[in-house]
């Protein structure tokens, strides 16, 4: 109980109505300790496609399997890993039927990987890029495999939000259970709930959004995304019906000239007098990301590059009506598992699903803003649901390297009321 209180103290000031801490699992387990060890789970490669606007961007006519295939090819090229040494693949996806089980297997073959490597898929909503990374890491730590691939993909153009949900097939008893009914609440309404309960004013949300764009644009101008982004050659349909071949090599979400003053002109999107707008929420986006992980001893024996370590992972549940507060609970637990303190972390990649929920987590954990999303976040870059967690790792590691820092956290809130976080260490 003392440990529960220590963790809860980070986040519970003024949060007595939130009951989720009663169910937190506080087992102190990590993927890697403070000292390097042959049993560590290491990251050998972390890459992503550009992120492009759904229905308007460079991937609007590109199927998810094509985005993934490009990354499979690039991992083989960059690391020179022998496909026969890869023990398993897991891909995250939210919006496709069956979480992309069929098309991700197709992408594996299109990307040059043989049929004898098994593949599975996972859907944990907005953490569907991080969850498979943690699952593959756990398989490595358990000795099930020595080398594995993890990542995620989403085409929000071809598979829009709620497109696969038929509410007429839900049980009518759902509305009789307050928590079950809250799972149907639009994400934007949960953002409004968080903003109202924790006093996150519209001006602060717009300021975070403007900063997200500024940081992303500055990073683009300085070439800071070059190491993580894999250019993808695709065919795009033009307005006259013709087809043109292009190379997508840049995120198209960051908008020059975005200021808190310009954002203040936007109308609330979910509640007439609310504070959540299209400008201070994450963009609807297409993209993919992929990570090669291995046991350290195996990576060394196989001559694979080692760029980082997967130190710990935590996932927690929160009230679905306030789903955005998930990082406020998941981050302390991930730190606890890695035997680290908040001050030990150099960079926090916190998904900006909404400025309200990201601000709440930052406020309650007292995270210095200069450590948060230094290359911009999902408000500027976009949030391809199934890919975001892996994308964050691909964005984090080059920035740790560039700045000479060591430790980072990737974290996000999760639809239906959860939060996830992972501690990543650069090598």
Foldseek 3Di string as FASTA:
>chain_A
DVVLVVLCQLFCVLPVVWDFSVPFDQDQAKQDAPDDDLQFKFFQDKAKAAKEFAPPGPCVPPDFLQQLLLVLLVVCVPFVDDLVQAAEEEEAAAFDVQRCQPSVLVSCVSNPHDPVHYYYYDYQWQCLFVVQVVVVSVCSSVVVHFKHKGFYWFRCNVGPPCNPPDVVPDDPCLVVDPLSVLLPDPPLQLLQVLCVSVVPDLLQLLQQLLVLLVLQVVCVVVVLCVRRHDWGWDWDADPVRDIDIDIRTHQDQRDPPRHSVVVVPFAADPDRPTRFGLQSAFGAIGIMMMIMIGRNNVCVVRVGHGWKTFIFKFKTFIRLSNQLQQVLNAVSSQCSSRVHDLVLAQAEEEARRGSSSVVSSCVSSVPPPCRYPSNGHRSRRGRRRNGVQSVSVSSPRSVCVVVVHFKYKYKGGTRSGMIMMTIMTTD
